[in-house]
Amino acid sequence: MMQHLDTALITAFVERWQPDTNTFHMPFGEMSILLHDVHHILRIPVEGELMRDDPHPDVLKLDMHDLVRVPVDGPVGGEWKSKWFLNGGIHAEGLLVRGREMKIRDLEVQTYLFVLLGSTLFVDKSRDRLRPAINVFLKDQRRVAGYAWGAAALAYLYRQLGMATRVGSKSICGCLTLLQAWIYEYFPLFRPSQILQAPDAPRASSWVCHRFAGGDDARQRLVRYRQMLDEMSGEDVSWTPYGRDAGTEVLCSLYTGVIRFADVAEGYDPARCRRQFGYRQTIPRTMMVPKDVYRPASCSTYIVFWEGSMDQFWCCGQRYRTSPPPSPLHMHEMR
């Protein structure tokens, strides 16, 4: 993960995010972070089991008690709230230490993965607390490798981008390394220097990012970035940074439907961004609409609800892994 983030650059792109379509609205059309971007930038699984389990908050709290071996009805009181669990999140550093203290191999691995994922892919705004929902997918370690972690991280980032567009929002969380590296991949004008790496290495680690100044300097950079984006054309974009066969190399990136992480579900429609596959852009079809949506100025009541039946499309989409790719002739005609 990147040690230094350019908050001004991230803000400039957040301002162009449209949560109804989950795309950036640019002067020359729409773009988005797609599943093949996650694959190349982070090198984590984007195919696999959909991460859709969404237990009740009380169940999640009981899971946290079980994980740190603290009895629910014991004398925990204020210590439990201050040391372990606060505002719906569990303390990251304490959890990691606790995992080592228990000297139980499976629990040590579970707590390590919990902290790792909570501080990289599913970061929230609390800084030192982790979302209990992460643990749901770590309890059975035999299934961990089979989950679509990349799709889940993308769904979570989509949600955070949507919430960051609200007037009452003052910050953004999620996997911002993915967002910043995606900007570097597609927009050469913003790129820092890059180091050569092995072809199968995460591309996010190839960018050499130094510490970015804050305060007035950040505000000046934001003004400059806004102007650059306003004046940008499609000629300034590197549309296929990973090569022209992204759609066949990572077939699930062509999936259309809903991607999930626990209680977070977001629409995914690559047809709005065909140029990122090397194809000509056509007029997009009617956008998918969730069953219930409420995006007020305040993020505290932000709601996007999709029917659970939408998950079947992801299950069907896993057949991409065994389906033959489109013929070269057919793909040429689409470009």
Protein backbone atom coordinates (compact mmCIF):
# COMPACT_ATOMS: atom_id res chain seq x y z
CA MET A 1 0.00 0.00 0.00
CA MET A 2 1.14 3.55 -0.70
CA GLN A 3 2.71 5.32 2.25
CA HIS A 4 1.83 8.78 0.94
CA LEU A 5 -1.51 9.87 -0.50
CA ASP A 6 -2.18 13.00 -2.51
CA THR A 7 -5.40 14.17 -0.84
CA ALA A 8 -5.77 17.05 -3.30
CA LEU A 9 -5.68 14.68 -6.28
CA ILE A 10 -8.13 12.30 -4.60
CA THR A 11 -10.47 15.21 -3.81
CA ALA A 12 -10.40 16.41 -7.43
CA PHE A 13 -11.59 13.00 -8.60
CA VAL A 14 -14.15 12.57 -5.81
CA GLU A 15 -15.76 15.78 -7.06
CA ARG A 16 -16.39 14.04 -10.39
CA TRP A 17 -17.85 10.84 -8.93
CA GLN A 18 -21.50 10.07 -9.69
CA PRO A 19 -22.89 7.48 -7.22
CA ASP A 20 -25.92 6.70 -9.40
CA THR A 21 -23.65 5.15 -12.04
CA ASN A 22 -20.49 4.56 -9.97
CA THR A 23 -18.42 6.38 -12.56
CA PHE A 24 -16.26 9.49 -12.79
CA HIS A 25 -17.90 12.03 -15.09
CA MET A 26 -15.12 13.53 -17.17
CA PRO A 27 -15.32 16.19 -19.92
CA PHE A 28 -14.93 13.41 -22.52
CA GLY A 29 -17.20 10.76 -20.98
CA GLU A 30 -17.39 8.28 -18.12
CA MET A 31 -14.64 6.23 -16.50
CA SER A 32 -14.51 3.97 -13.47
CA ILE A 33 -12.37 1.64 -11.41
CA LEU A 34 -13.15 -1.82 -12.77
CA LEU A 35 -12.36 -5.34 -11.64
CA HIS A 36 -9.41 -5.75 -14.01
CA ASP A 37 -7.96 -2.57 -12.50
CA VAL A 38 -8.15 -4.14 -9.04
CA HIS A 39 -6.50 -7.29 -10.37
CA HIS A 40 -3.53 -5.47 -11.86
CA ILE A 41 -3.12 -2.75 -9.23
CA LEU A 42 -3.45 -4.87 -6.07
CA ARG A 43 -3.04 -8.46 -7.30
CA ILE A 44 -5.78 -9.82 -5.05
CA PRO A 45 -8.56 -12.23 -6.14
CA VAL A 46 -11.39 -10.54 -8.01
CA GLU A 47 -13.17 -13.82 -8.75
CA GLY A 48 -14.65 -16.22 -6.25
CA GLU A 49 -17.42 -16.40 -3.70
CA LEU A 50 -19.46 -13.24 -3.28
CA MET A 51 -18.95 -11.76 0.20
CA ARG A 52 -22.61 -11.23 1.02
CA ASP A 53 -23.02 -12.43 4.63
CA ASP A 54 -24.54 -9.63 6.69
CA PRO A 55 -25.13 -10.68 10.33
CA HIS A 56 -27.04 -8.54 12.81
CA PRO A 57 -24.84 -6.06 14.77
CA ASP A 58 -25.50 -8.00 17.99
CA VAL A 59 -24.15 -11.15 16.34
CA LEU A 60 -21.06 -9.28 15.19
CA LYS A 61 -20.48 -8.03 18.73
CA LEU A 62 -20.71 -11.58 20.08
CA ASP A 63 -18.18 -12.65 17.47
CA MET A 64 -15.79 -10.00 18.75
CA HIS A 65 -16.21 -11.29 22.31
CA ASP A 66 -15.43 -14.82 21.12
CA LEU A 67 -12.42 -13.66 19.16
CA VAL A 68 -10.68 -11.94 22.07
CA ARG A 69 -11.92 -14.56 24.57
CA VAL A 70 -13.82 -12.10 26.79
CA PRO A 71 -17.08 -13.44 28.30
CA VAL A 72 -20.16 -11.51 27.27
CA ASP A 73 -21.76 -11.61 30.70
CA GLY A 74 -18.52 -11.22 32.63
CA PRO A 75 -17.13 -8.13 34.38
CA VAL A 76 -16.09 -6.35 31.18
CA GLY A 77 -18.01 -3.08 31.54
CA GLY A 78 -16.05 0.03 30.71
CA GLU A 79 -12.89 -1.92 29.91
CA TRP A 80 -14.64 -3.71 27.05
CA LYS A 81 -15.88 -0.42 25.61
CA SER A 82 -12.66 1.52 26.02
CA LYS A 83 -10.07 -1.18 25.34
CA TRP A 84 -11.78 -3.36 22.77
CA PHE A 85 -15.08 -2.24 21.31
CA LEU A 86 -16.29 1.32 20.67
CA ASN A 87 -18.81 2.82 18.24
CA GLY A 88 -19.29 -0.47 16.44
CA GLY A 89 -15.57 -1.14 15.84
CA ILE A 90 -12.89 -3.22 17.53
CA HIS A 91 -9.49 -1.79 18.46
CA ALA A 92 -6.89 -2.84 15.86
CA GLU A 93 -3.67 -2.76 17.89
CA GLY A 94 -5.22 -4.44 20.91
CA LEU A 95 -6.65 -7.18 18.70
CA LEU A 96 -3.27 -7.93 17.17
CA VAL A 97 -1.58 -8.12 20.58
CA ARG A 98 -4.38 -10.29 21.92
CA GLY A 99 -3.98 -12.72 19.03
CA ARG A 100 -0.32 -13.23 19.90
CA GLU A 101 -1.00 -13.57 23.62
CA MET A 102 -3.51 -16.40 23.18
CA LYS A 103 -0.86 -18.56 21.44
CA ILE A 104 -3.51 -20.37 19.42
CA ARG A 105 -2.28 -20.66 15.86
CA ASP A 106 -5.65 -20.35 14.11
CA LEU A 107 -6.68 -17.35 16.21
CA GLU A 108 -3.32 -15.68 15.67
CA VAL A 109 -3.74 -16.04 11.91
CA GLN A 110 -7.34 -14.84 12.12
CA THR A 111 -6.52 -11.71 14.10
CA TYR A 112 -3.55 -10.92 11.85
CA LEU A 113 -5.70 -11.15 8.71
CA PHE A 114 -8.41 -9.13 10.43
CA VAL A 115 -6.02 -6.26 11.15
CA LEU A 116 -4.32 -6.52 7.75
CA LEU A 117 -7.56 -6.32 5.77
CA GLY A 118 -9.08 -3.67 8.03
CA SER A 119 -6.07 -1.41 7.58
CA THR A 120 -5.70 -1.84 3.81
CA LEU A 121 -8.84 -2.84 1.88
CA PHE A 122 -11.64 -1.91 4.29
CA VAL A 123 -10.33 1.16 6.06
CA ASP A 124 -12.89 3.31 7.88
CA LYS A 125 -12.66 6.82 9.33
CA SER A 126 -11.99 5.79 12.93
CA ARG A 127 -8.24 5.32 12.24
CA ASP A 128 -7.72 2.70 14.97
CA ARG A 129 -10.90 0.59 14.81
CA LEU A 130 -11.86 -2.25 12.48
CA ARG A 131 -15.21 -3.19 10.99
CA PRO A 132 -16.44 -6.40 12.70
CA ALA A 133 -17.97 -7.57 9.39
CA ILE A 134 -14.46 -8.44 8.15
CA ASN A 135 -14.22 -11.22 10.72
CA VAL A 136 -17.29 -12.98 9.30
CA PHE A 137 -15.22 -14.06 6.31
CA LEU A 138 -12.20 -15.16 8.37
CA LYS A 139 -13.79 -17.55 10.84
CA ASP A 140 -13.57 -20.49 8.43
CA GLN A 141 -10.00 -20.27 7.20
CA ARG A 142 -10.61 -22.98 4.61
CA ARG A 143 -12.84 -20.55 2.71
CA VAL A 144 -10.70 -17.42 2.98
CA ALA A 145 -8.81 -17.94 -0.28
CA GLY A 146 -12.04 -18.57 -2.17
CA TYR A 147 -13.65 -15.18 -1.58
CA ALA A 148 -13.67 -12.39 -4.17
CA TRP A 149 -11.71 -9.98 -1.97
CA GLY A 150 -11.00 -7.63 -4.86
CA ALA A 151 -14.67 -7.30 -5.76
CA ALA A 152 -15.50 -6.67 -2.09
CA ALA A 153 -12.81 -3.99 -1.79
CA LEU A 154 -14.15 -2.32 -4.94
CA ALA A 155 -17.74 -2.37 -3.65
CA TYR A 156 -16.56 -0.80 -0.40
CA LEU A 157 -14.58 1.89 -2.25
CA TYR A 158 -17.58 2.65 -4.48
CA ARG A 159 -19.66 3.20 -1.35
CA GLN A 160 -17.05 5.45 0.25
CA LEU A 161 -16.73 7.49 -2.95
CA GLY A 162 -20.49 7.94 -3.02
CA MET A 163 -20.59 9.06 0.60
CA ALA A 164 -17.65 11.42 0.03
CA THR A 165 -19.68 13.30 -2.59
CA ARG A 166 -22.20 14.41 0.06
CA VAL A 167 -21.94 18.00 1.20
CA GLY A 168 -21.74 16.89 4.84
CA SER A 169 -18.70 14.67 4.21
CA LYS A 170 -15.26 16.01 5.10
CA SER A 171 -13.10 12.96 4.35
CA ILE A 172 -13.01 9.64 2.55
CA CYS A 173 -11.88 6.15 3.49
CA GLY A 174 -11.63 2.77 1.79
CA CYS A 175 -8.65 1.51 -0.19
CA LEU A 176 -7.29 4.87 -1.32
CA THR A 177 -4.14 3.22 -2.64
CA LEU A 178 -6.36 1.59 -5.27
CA LEU A 179 -7.91 4.95 -6.17
CA GLN A 180 -4.63 6.86 -6.39
CA ALA A 181 -2.84 4.12 -8.32
CA TRP A 182 -5.81 3.93 -10.72
CA ILE A 183 -5.44 7.66 -11.41
CA TYR A 184 -1.75 7.19 -12.15
CA GLU A 185 -2.45 4.29 -14.53
CA TYR A 186 -4.95 6.17 -16.69
CA PHE A 187 -3.79 9.78 -16.42
CA PRO A 188 -0.12 10.29 -17.37
CA LEU A 189 -0.33 14.00 -16.49
CA PHE A 190 -0.54 13.12 -12.80
CA ARG A 191 2.03 10.32 -12.69
CA PRO A 192 5.08 10.35 -10.41
CA SER A 193 8.19 8.39 -11.29
CA GLN A 194 7.86 4.63 -11.63
CA ILE A 195 10.19 1.71 -10.93
CA LEU A 196 10.40 -1.49 -12.95
CA GLN A 197 8.89 -4.56 -11.32
CA ALA A 198 8.08 -8.15 -12.18
CA PRO A 199 5.04 -8.46 -14.49
CA ASP A 200 2.99 -10.22 -11.82
CA ALA A 201 3.77 -7.71 -9.03
CA PRO A 202 1.07 -5.32 -7.76
CA ARG A 203 1.33 -2.25 -9.95
CA ALA A 204 0.47 0.00 -7.00
CA SER A 205 3.91 -0.68 -5.56
CA SER A 206 5.67 0.56 -8.70
CA TRP A 207 4.82 4.24 -8.15
CA VAL A 208 7.35 6.33 -6.22
CA CYS A 209 5.25 8.68 -4.08
CA HIS A 210 6.94 11.17 -1.79
CA ARG A 211 5.22 12.97 1.06
CA PHE A 212 2.70 15.53 -0.18
CA ALA A 213 2.52 18.90 1.54
CA GLY A 214 -0.75 19.91 3.18
CA GLY A 215 -2.32 23.25 4.04
CA ASP A 216 -2.10 26.02 1.46
CA ASP A 217 0.04 23.89 -0.84
CA ALA A 218 -2.64 21.18 -0.96
CA ARG A 219 -5.32 23.77 -1.72
CA GLN A 220 -3.22 25.18 -4.56
CA ARG A 221 -2.70 21.68 -5.96
CA LEU A 222 -6.45 21.06 -5.81
CA VAL A 223 -7.14 24.22 -7.85
CA ARG A 224 -4.53 23.14 -10.39
CA TYR A 225 -5.88 19.58 -10.60
CA ARG A 226 -9.43 20.85 -11.14
CA GLN A 227 -8.27 23.02 -14.02
CA MET A 228 -6.30 20.16 -15.56
CA LEU A 229 -9.34 17.89 -15.43
CA ASP A 230 -11.61 20.59 -16.87
CA GLU A 231 -9.26 21.05 -19.84
CA MET A 232 -8.57 17.36 -20.37
CA SER A 233 -9.61 15.42 -23.47
CA GLY A 234 -9.68 11.72 -24.28
CA GLU A 235 -6.28 12.12 -25.91
CA ASP A 236 -4.78 12.72 -22.46
CA VAL A 237 -5.91 9.32 -21.16
CA SER A 238 -4.01 6.04 -21.31
CA TRP A 239 -7.12 3.95 -21.99
CA THR A 240 -5.52 0.50 -21.84
CA PRO A 241 -2.58 0.72 -19.42
CA TYR A 242 -2.41 -3.08 -19.01
CA GLY A 243 -2.69 -3.89 -22.72
CA ARG A 244 -5.65 -4.22 -25.07
CA ASP A 245 -6.81 -7.62 -23.80
CA ALA A 246 -7.98 -6.66 -20.30
CA GLY A 247 -11.44 -8.04 -21.00
CA THR A 248 -10.13 -11.51 -21.87
CA GLU A 249 -7.36 -11.67 -19.29
CA VAL A 250 -9.71 -10.81 -16.39
CA LEU A 251 -13.05 -12.00 -17.73
CA CYS A 252 -15.06 -11.19 -14.61
CA SER A 253 -14.37 -7.52 -15.33
CA LEU A 254 -17.07 -7.83 -18.02
CA TYR A 255 -19.65 -8.81 -15.41
CA THR A 256 -22.69 -6.57 -14.98
CA GLY A 257 -24.66 -6.62 -11.74
CA VAL A 258 -24.03 -6.04 -8.04
CA ILE A 259 -20.78 -6.43 -6.10
CA ARG A 260 -20.86 -6.79 -2.32
CA PHE A 261 -18.99 -6.61 0.93
CA ALA A 262 -21.19 -7.64 3.89
CA ASP A 263 -23.88 -4.94 4.19
CA VAL A 264 -22.43 -2.89 1.31
CA ALA A 265 -23.83 -3.54 -2.17
CA GLU A 266 -23.09 -1.42 -5.22
CA GLY A 267 -23.93 -1.60 -8.91
CA TYR A 268 -21.19 -2.52 -11.38
CA ASP A 269 -21.62 -1.76 -15.09
CA PRO A 270 -18.52 -1.83 -17.33
CA ALA A 271 -20.62 -1.05 -20.42
CA ARG A 272 -20.40 2.61 -19.46
CA CYS A 273 -16.58 2.44 -19.73
CA ARG A 274 -15.96 0.41 -22.88
CA ARG A 275 -12.90 2.45 -23.84
CA GLN A 276 -11.10 1.01 -20.81
CA PHE A 277 -11.29 -2.36 -22.61
CA GLY A 278 -10.04 -0.90 -25.89
CA TYR A 279 -13.53 -0.75 -27.44
CA ARG A 280 -15.49 2.11 -28.95
CA GLN A 281 -17.88 3.73 -26.49
CA THR A 282 -21.55 3.45 -27.40
CA ILE A 283 -24.57 5.04 -25.73
CA PRO A 284 -24.90 3.19 -22.39
CA ARG A 285 -28.01 1.17 -21.66
CA THR A 286 -30.40 2.30 -18.94
CA MET A 287 -28.56 2.24 -15.64
CA MET A 288 -29.38 -0.29 -12.95
CA VAL A 289 -31.47 1.10 -10.11
CA PRO A 290 -31.40 -0.22 -6.51
CA LYS A 291 -34.64 -1.10 -4.75
CA ASP A 292 -34.13 1.64 -2.19
CA VAL A 293 -31.72 4.56 -2.25
CA TYR A 294 -31.33 7.60 -0.02
CA ARG A 295 -28.31 9.86 -0.33
CA PRO A 296 -28.86 12.92 1.88
CA ALA A 297 -26.32 15.60 2.76
CA SER A 298 -25.35 13.66 5.88
CA CYS A 299 -23.54 10.35 5.46
CA SER A 300 -25.02 8.93 8.67
CA THR A 301 -28.28 8.04 6.89
CA TYR A 302 -26.81 7.11 3.49
CA ILE A 303 -28.70 4.08 2.15
CA VAL A 304 -28.30 2.00 -1.01
CA PHE A 305 -30.24 -1.27 -0.91
CA TRP A 306 -30.23 -3.93 -3.62
CA GLU A 307 -32.43 -7.01 -3.76
CA GLY A 308 -30.63 -10.19 -2.69
CA SER A 309 -31.83 -11.80 -5.92
CA MET A 310 -29.28 -9.64 -7.77
CA ASP A 311 -26.54 -11.88 -6.34
CA GLN A 312 -27.48 -14.66 -8.75
CA PHE A 313 -25.90 -12.70 -11.59
CA TRP A 314 -22.51 -12.89 -9.85
CA CYS A 315 -22.92 -16.65 -9.42
CA CYS A 316 -23.74 -16.98 -13.11
CA GLY A 317 -20.81 -14.74 -13.94
CA GLN A 318 -18.37 -17.21 -12.40
CA ARG A 319 -18.88 -19.27 -15.55
CA TYR A 320 -16.57 -16.75 -17.21
CA ARG A 321 -13.73 -18.77 -15.78
CA THR A 322 -14.63 -21.77 -17.94
CA SER A 323 -16.15 -19.96 -20.95
CA PRO A 324 -14.06 -19.38 -24.10
CA PRO A 325 -13.08 -15.76 -24.72
CA PRO A 326 -14.64 -13.82 -27.60
CA SER A 327 -13.03 -14.49 -30.95
CA PRO A 328 -10.34 -12.02 -32.08
CA LEU A 329 -12.49 -11.09 -35.10
CA HIS A 330 -15.49 -10.27 -32.92
CA MET A 331 -13.37 -8.17 -30.57
CA HIS A 332 -11.80 -6.31 -33.52
CA GLU A 333 -15.25 -5.37 -34.80
CA MET A 334 -16.15 -3.88 -31.42
CA ARG A 335 -13.07 -1.67 -31.32
